[in-house]
Amino acid sequence: QLVVDNLAEIKNLQARASAELTIQEAFDELTRWAIDAEFTIIEQKDSGDRSIALIKEWKEVQTQVGDHQSVLQAAKDSPYFVKFKGQAEDWENKLAVLGVGLDELNQVQRKWLYLEPIFGRGALPEQQSRFKRVDDDFRNIMDDIQRNKRVIAFADFSNIIERLTQMMDQLERCQTALSDFLEEKRSKFPRFYFIGDDDLLEILGQAKTPS
């Protein structure tokens, strides 16, 4: 009779225990991922034959971060989430930095890969100092990643979102200046409109250092 009288409470306790176990398992999996997940790094030579570490396999890492964010959000929707709130906030902050930061770093790396061979040979002297500042900061970030390849470590880089946002802004300014330079050349020599940017830069570079 006692069991029957307390059946609802027993079921509630079972539901709570099951839900809390599921949430704890999600945090355990997140912890294991944080320990094991590393960036895939490749070494590449720049236009001056200097080595630089670059990240490959972006999609896999970004997908993993997104998956963990989804699992964490699902756990937060549970009525039994309260006891996990403290550790959840720390993970939520780290994953948020990774979500935004990795996307921005990916964009910075791609734009750097396009612009470095151009600015590395002295193109657009008036933009050289701007590109050099970004180049130095990008190399510093990649050096830090190479020293500690764990993905989660990236979330603790000082002011990383702000730094990457500023770098992207400066790289876009460099690219705008480059586009303006090429448009100026094409307006003077219409036949250049039939030549792609890379080929045109090569032609101009053979004639003289583009300025």
Protein backbone atom coordinates (compact mmCIF):
# COMPACT_ATOMS: atom_id res chain seq x y z
CA GLN A 1 0.00 0.00 0.00
CA LEU A 2 2.87 2.34 0.84
CA VAL A 3 4.35 1.82 -2.60
CA VAL A 4 1.00 2.49 -4.25
CA ASP A 5 0.50 5.65 -2.22
CA ASN A 6 3.92 6.95 -3.25
CA LEU A 7 3.87 5.70 -6.83
CA ALA A 8 3.68 9.18 -8.33
CA GLU A 9 6.61 10.35 -6.22
CA ILE A 10 8.64 7.26 -7.14
CA LYS A 11 7.98 7.85 -10.83
CA ASN A 12 9.01 11.47 -10.44
CA LEU A 13 12.25 10.45 -8.74
CA GLN A 14 12.94 7.96 -11.49
CA ALA A 15 12.29 10.59 -14.15
CA ARG A 16 14.56 13.06 -12.35
CA ALA A 17 17.35 10.50 -11.97
CA SER A 18 17.10 9.48 -15.62
CA ALA A 19 17.08 13.09 -16.85
CA GLU A 20 19.99 14.10 -14.63
CA LEU A 21 21.98 11.08 -15.80
CA THR A 22 21.37 12.03 -19.42
CA ILE A 23 22.48 15.60 -18.77
CA GLN A 24 25.57 14.46 -16.88
CA GLU A 25 26.48 12.11 -19.71
CA ALA A 26 26.24 15.04 -22.12
CA PHE A 27 28.67 17.06 -19.98
CA ASP A 28 30.99 14.05 -19.70
CA GLU A 29 31.01 13.73 -23.49
CA LEU A 30 31.71 17.45 -23.84
CA THR A 31 34.61 17.14 -21.38
CA ARG A 32 36.09 14.22 -23.33
CA TRP A 33 35.76 16.18 -26.55
CA ALA A 34 37.48 19.19 -25.00
CA ILE A 35 40.38 16.99 -23.92
CA ASP A 36 40.77 15.14 -27.22
CA ALA A 37 39.70 17.51 -30.01
CA GLU A 38 42.63 19.10 -31.81
CA PHE A 39 43.04 21.26 -34.89
CA THR A 40 44.50 19.62 -37.97
CA ILE A 41 47.53 21.76 -38.85
CA ILE A 42 49.46 21.95 -42.09
CA GLU A 43 52.74 23.76 -42.70
CA GLN A 44 52.84 26.12 -45.65
CA LYS A 45 55.45 28.44 -47.12
CA ASP A 46 54.49 32.05 -47.75
CA SER A 47 55.69 34.20 -50.65
CA GLY A 48 58.95 34.88 -48.79
CA ASP A 49 59.54 31.17 -48.12
CA ARG A 50 58.68 31.58 -44.43
CA SER A 51 56.80 28.71 -42.77
CA ILE A 52 53.38 29.28 -41.28
CA ALA A 53 50.94 26.88 -39.64
CA LEU A 54 47.47 26.84 -41.17
CA ILE A 55 44.28 25.03 -40.16
CA LYS A 56 42.58 22.48 -42.40
CA GLU A 57 39.43 20.41 -41.87
CA TRP A 58 37.43 23.42 -40.66
CA LYS A 59 34.04 21.85 -41.30
CA GLU A 60 34.56 18.94 -38.92
CA VAL A 61 35.56 21.14 -35.98
CA GLN A 62 32.82 23.70 -36.61
CA THR A 63 30.23 20.93 -36.88
CA GLN A 64 31.38 19.45 -33.57
CA VAL A 65 31.09 22.84 -31.86
CA GLY A 66 27.60 23.33 -33.28
CA ASP A 67 26.53 19.85 -32.19
CA HIS A 68 27.68 20.47 -28.62
CA GLN A 69 25.88 23.81 -28.56
CA SER A 70 22.67 22.06 -29.64
CA VAL A 71 23.04 19.36 -26.97
CA LEU A 72 23.70 21.98 -24.32
CA GLN A 73 20.64 23.97 -25.36
CA ALA A 74 18.51 20.82 -25.22
CA ALA A 75 19.80 20.11 -21.71
CA LYS A 76 18.91 23.65 -20.62
CA ASP A 77 15.32 23.03 -21.66
CA SER A 78 15.05 20.18 -19.14
CA PRO A 79 13.18 20.93 -15.89
CA TYR A 80 16.01 19.11 -14.07
CA PHE A 81 18.78 21.33 -15.42
CA VAL A 82 19.10 23.59 -12.35
CA LYS A 83 21.86 21.63 -10.61
CA PHE A 84 24.02 21.85 -13.75
CA LYS A 85 23.60 25.59 -14.30
CA GLY A 86 27.03 26.59 -13.01
CA GLN A 87 29.13 24.31 -15.19
CA ALA A 88 26.77 24.88 -18.11
CA GLU A 89 27.44 28.63 -18.14
CA ASP A 90 31.18 28.05 -18.45
CA TRP A 91 30.72 25.62 -21.33
CA GLU A 92 28.19 27.87 -22.99
CA ASN A 93 30.64 30.79 -22.96
CA LYS A 94 33.49 28.69 -24.34
CA LEU A 95 31.36 27.21 -27.11
CA ALA A 96 30.02 30.65 -28.01
CA VAL A 97 33.57 31.96 -28.44
CA LEU A 98 34.47 28.91 -30.51
CA GLY A 99 31.36 29.22 -32.67
CA VAL A 100 32.03 32.84 -33.60
CA GLY A 101 35.82 32.77 -33.37
CA LEU A 102 36.39 29.77 -35.61
CA ASP A 103 34.13 31.20 -38.28
CA GLU A 104 36.02 34.50 -38.22
CA LEU A 105 39.45 32.83 -38.12
CA ASN A 106 38.45 30.72 -41.12
CA GLN A 107 37.52 33.87 -43.04
CA VAL A 108 40.72 35.64 -41.98
CA GLN A 109 42.86 32.67 -43.04
CA ARG A 110 41.19 32.46 -46.46
CA LYS A 111 41.57 36.17 -47.11
CA TRP A 112 45.16 36.12 -45.86
CA LEU A 113 45.94 33.24 -48.24
CA TYR A 114 44.62 35.32 -51.14
CA LEU A 115 46.32 38.59 -50.23
CA GLU A 116 49.68 37.45 -48.82
CA PRO A 117 51.25 36.47 -52.16
CA ILE A 118 50.24 39.88 -53.51
CA PHE A 119 51.36 42.05 -50.63
CA GLY A 120 54.31 39.78 -49.93
CA ARG A 121 55.94 40.89 -53.17
CA GLY A 122 55.49 44.58 -52.38
CA ALA A 123 52.20 45.44 -54.08
CA LEU A 124 50.38 48.63 -53.08
CA PRO A 125 53.10 50.27 -50.94
CA GLU A 126 50.58 52.59 -49.27
CA GLN A 127 48.77 49.54 -47.88
CA GLN A 128 51.86 47.60 -46.84
CA SER A 129 51.88 48.74 -43.20
CA ARG A 130 48.19 47.87 -42.82
CA PHE A 131 48.72 44.37 -44.21
CA LYS A 132 51.90 43.89 -42.15
CA ARG A 133 50.02 44.53 -38.88
CA VAL A 134 47.40 41.92 -39.77
CA ASP A 135 50.06 39.52 -41.00
CA ASP A 136 51.96 39.76 -37.69
CA ASP A 137 48.82 39.24 -35.61
CA PHE A 138 47.66 36.32 -37.75
CA ARG A 139 51.03 34.61 -37.44
CA ASN A 140 50.99 35.10 -33.67
CA ILE A 141 47.56 33.49 -33.41
CA MET A 142 48.59 30.57 -35.60
CA ASP A 143 51.80 30.11 -33.58
CA ASP A 144 49.70 29.92 -30.41
CA ILE A 145 47.42 27.33 -32.01
CA GLN A 146 50.38 25.28 -33.17
CA ARG A 147 51.82 25.28 -29.64
CA ASN A 148 48.52 24.05 -28.21
CA LYS A 149 46.41 22.35 -30.86
CA ARG A 150 43.47 21.61 -28.56
CA VAL A 151 40.38 23.30 -29.97
CA ILE A 152 39.08 24.33 -26.54
CA ALA A 153 42.28 26.30 -25.84
CA PHE A 154 41.33 28.72 -28.61
CA ALA A 155 38.33 29.84 -26.52
CA ASP A 156 40.74 31.26 -23.92
CA PHE A 157 42.81 33.39 -26.32
CA SER A 158 42.79 36.97 -25.05
CA ASN A 159 40.23 39.20 -26.82
CA ILE A 160 40.22 36.78 -29.75
CA ILE A 161 36.85 37.83 -31.20
CA GLU A 162 37.74 41.52 -31.12
CA ARG A 163 41.17 40.85 -32.63
CA LEU A 164 39.75 38.76 -35.48
CA THR A 165 37.03 41.31 -36.21
CA GLN A 166 39.64 44.05 -36.50
CA MET A 167 41.88 41.85 -38.65
CA MET A 168 39.03 41.08 -41.02
CA ASP A 169 38.20 44.77 -41.32
CA GLN A 170 41.82 45.61 -42.18
CA LEU A 171 42.09 42.77 -44.70
CA GLU A 172 38.92 43.94 -46.41
CA ARG A 173 40.39 47.44 -46.64
CA CYS A 174 43.48 45.95 -48.26
CA GLN A 175 41.34 44.01 -50.71
CA THR A 176 39.28 47.10 -51.54
CA ALA A 177 42.47 49.02 -52.27
CA LEU A 178 43.64 46.16 -54.47
CA SER A 179 40.33 46.07 -56.35
CA ASP A 180 40.49 49.84 -56.89
CA PHE A 181 44.04 49.50 -58.20
CA LEU A 182 43.04 46.79 -60.68
CA GLU A 183 39.97 48.73 -61.80
CA GLU A 184 42.15 51.76 -62.46
CA LYS A 185 44.46 49.67 -64.65
CA ARG A 186 41.49 48.15 -66.50
CA SER A 187 39.95 51.55 -67.14
CA LYS A 188 43.19 52.63 -68.80
CA PHE A 189 43.67 49.37 -70.69
CA PRO A 190 40.24 47.88 -71.49
CA ARG A 191 41.77 44.62 -72.71
CA PHE A 192 42.58 43.89 -69.04
CA TYR A 193 38.85 43.40 -68.41
CA PHE A 194 39.18 40.03 -70.13
CA ILE A 195 41.93 38.93 -67.74
CA GLY A 196 41.30 37.56 -64.26
CA ASP A 197 42.69 39.31 -61.18
CA ASP A 198 45.48 36.80 -60.56
CA ASP A 199 46.64 36.83 -64.17
CA LEU A 200 46.50 40.61 -64.32
CA LEU A 201 48.55 40.92 -61.15
CA GLU A 202 51.11 38.55 -62.62
CA ILE A 203 51.31 40.65 -65.79
CA LEU A 204 51.67 43.87 -63.83
CA GLY A 205 54.17 42.25 -61.52
CA GLN A 206 56.34 41.20 -64.44
CA ALA A 207 56.37 44.75 -65.69
CA LYS A 208 57.16 46.32 -62.32
CA THR A 209 56.17 46.05 -58.69
CA PRO A 210 52.52 47.14 -58.69
CA SER A 211 51.95 50.48 -57.05
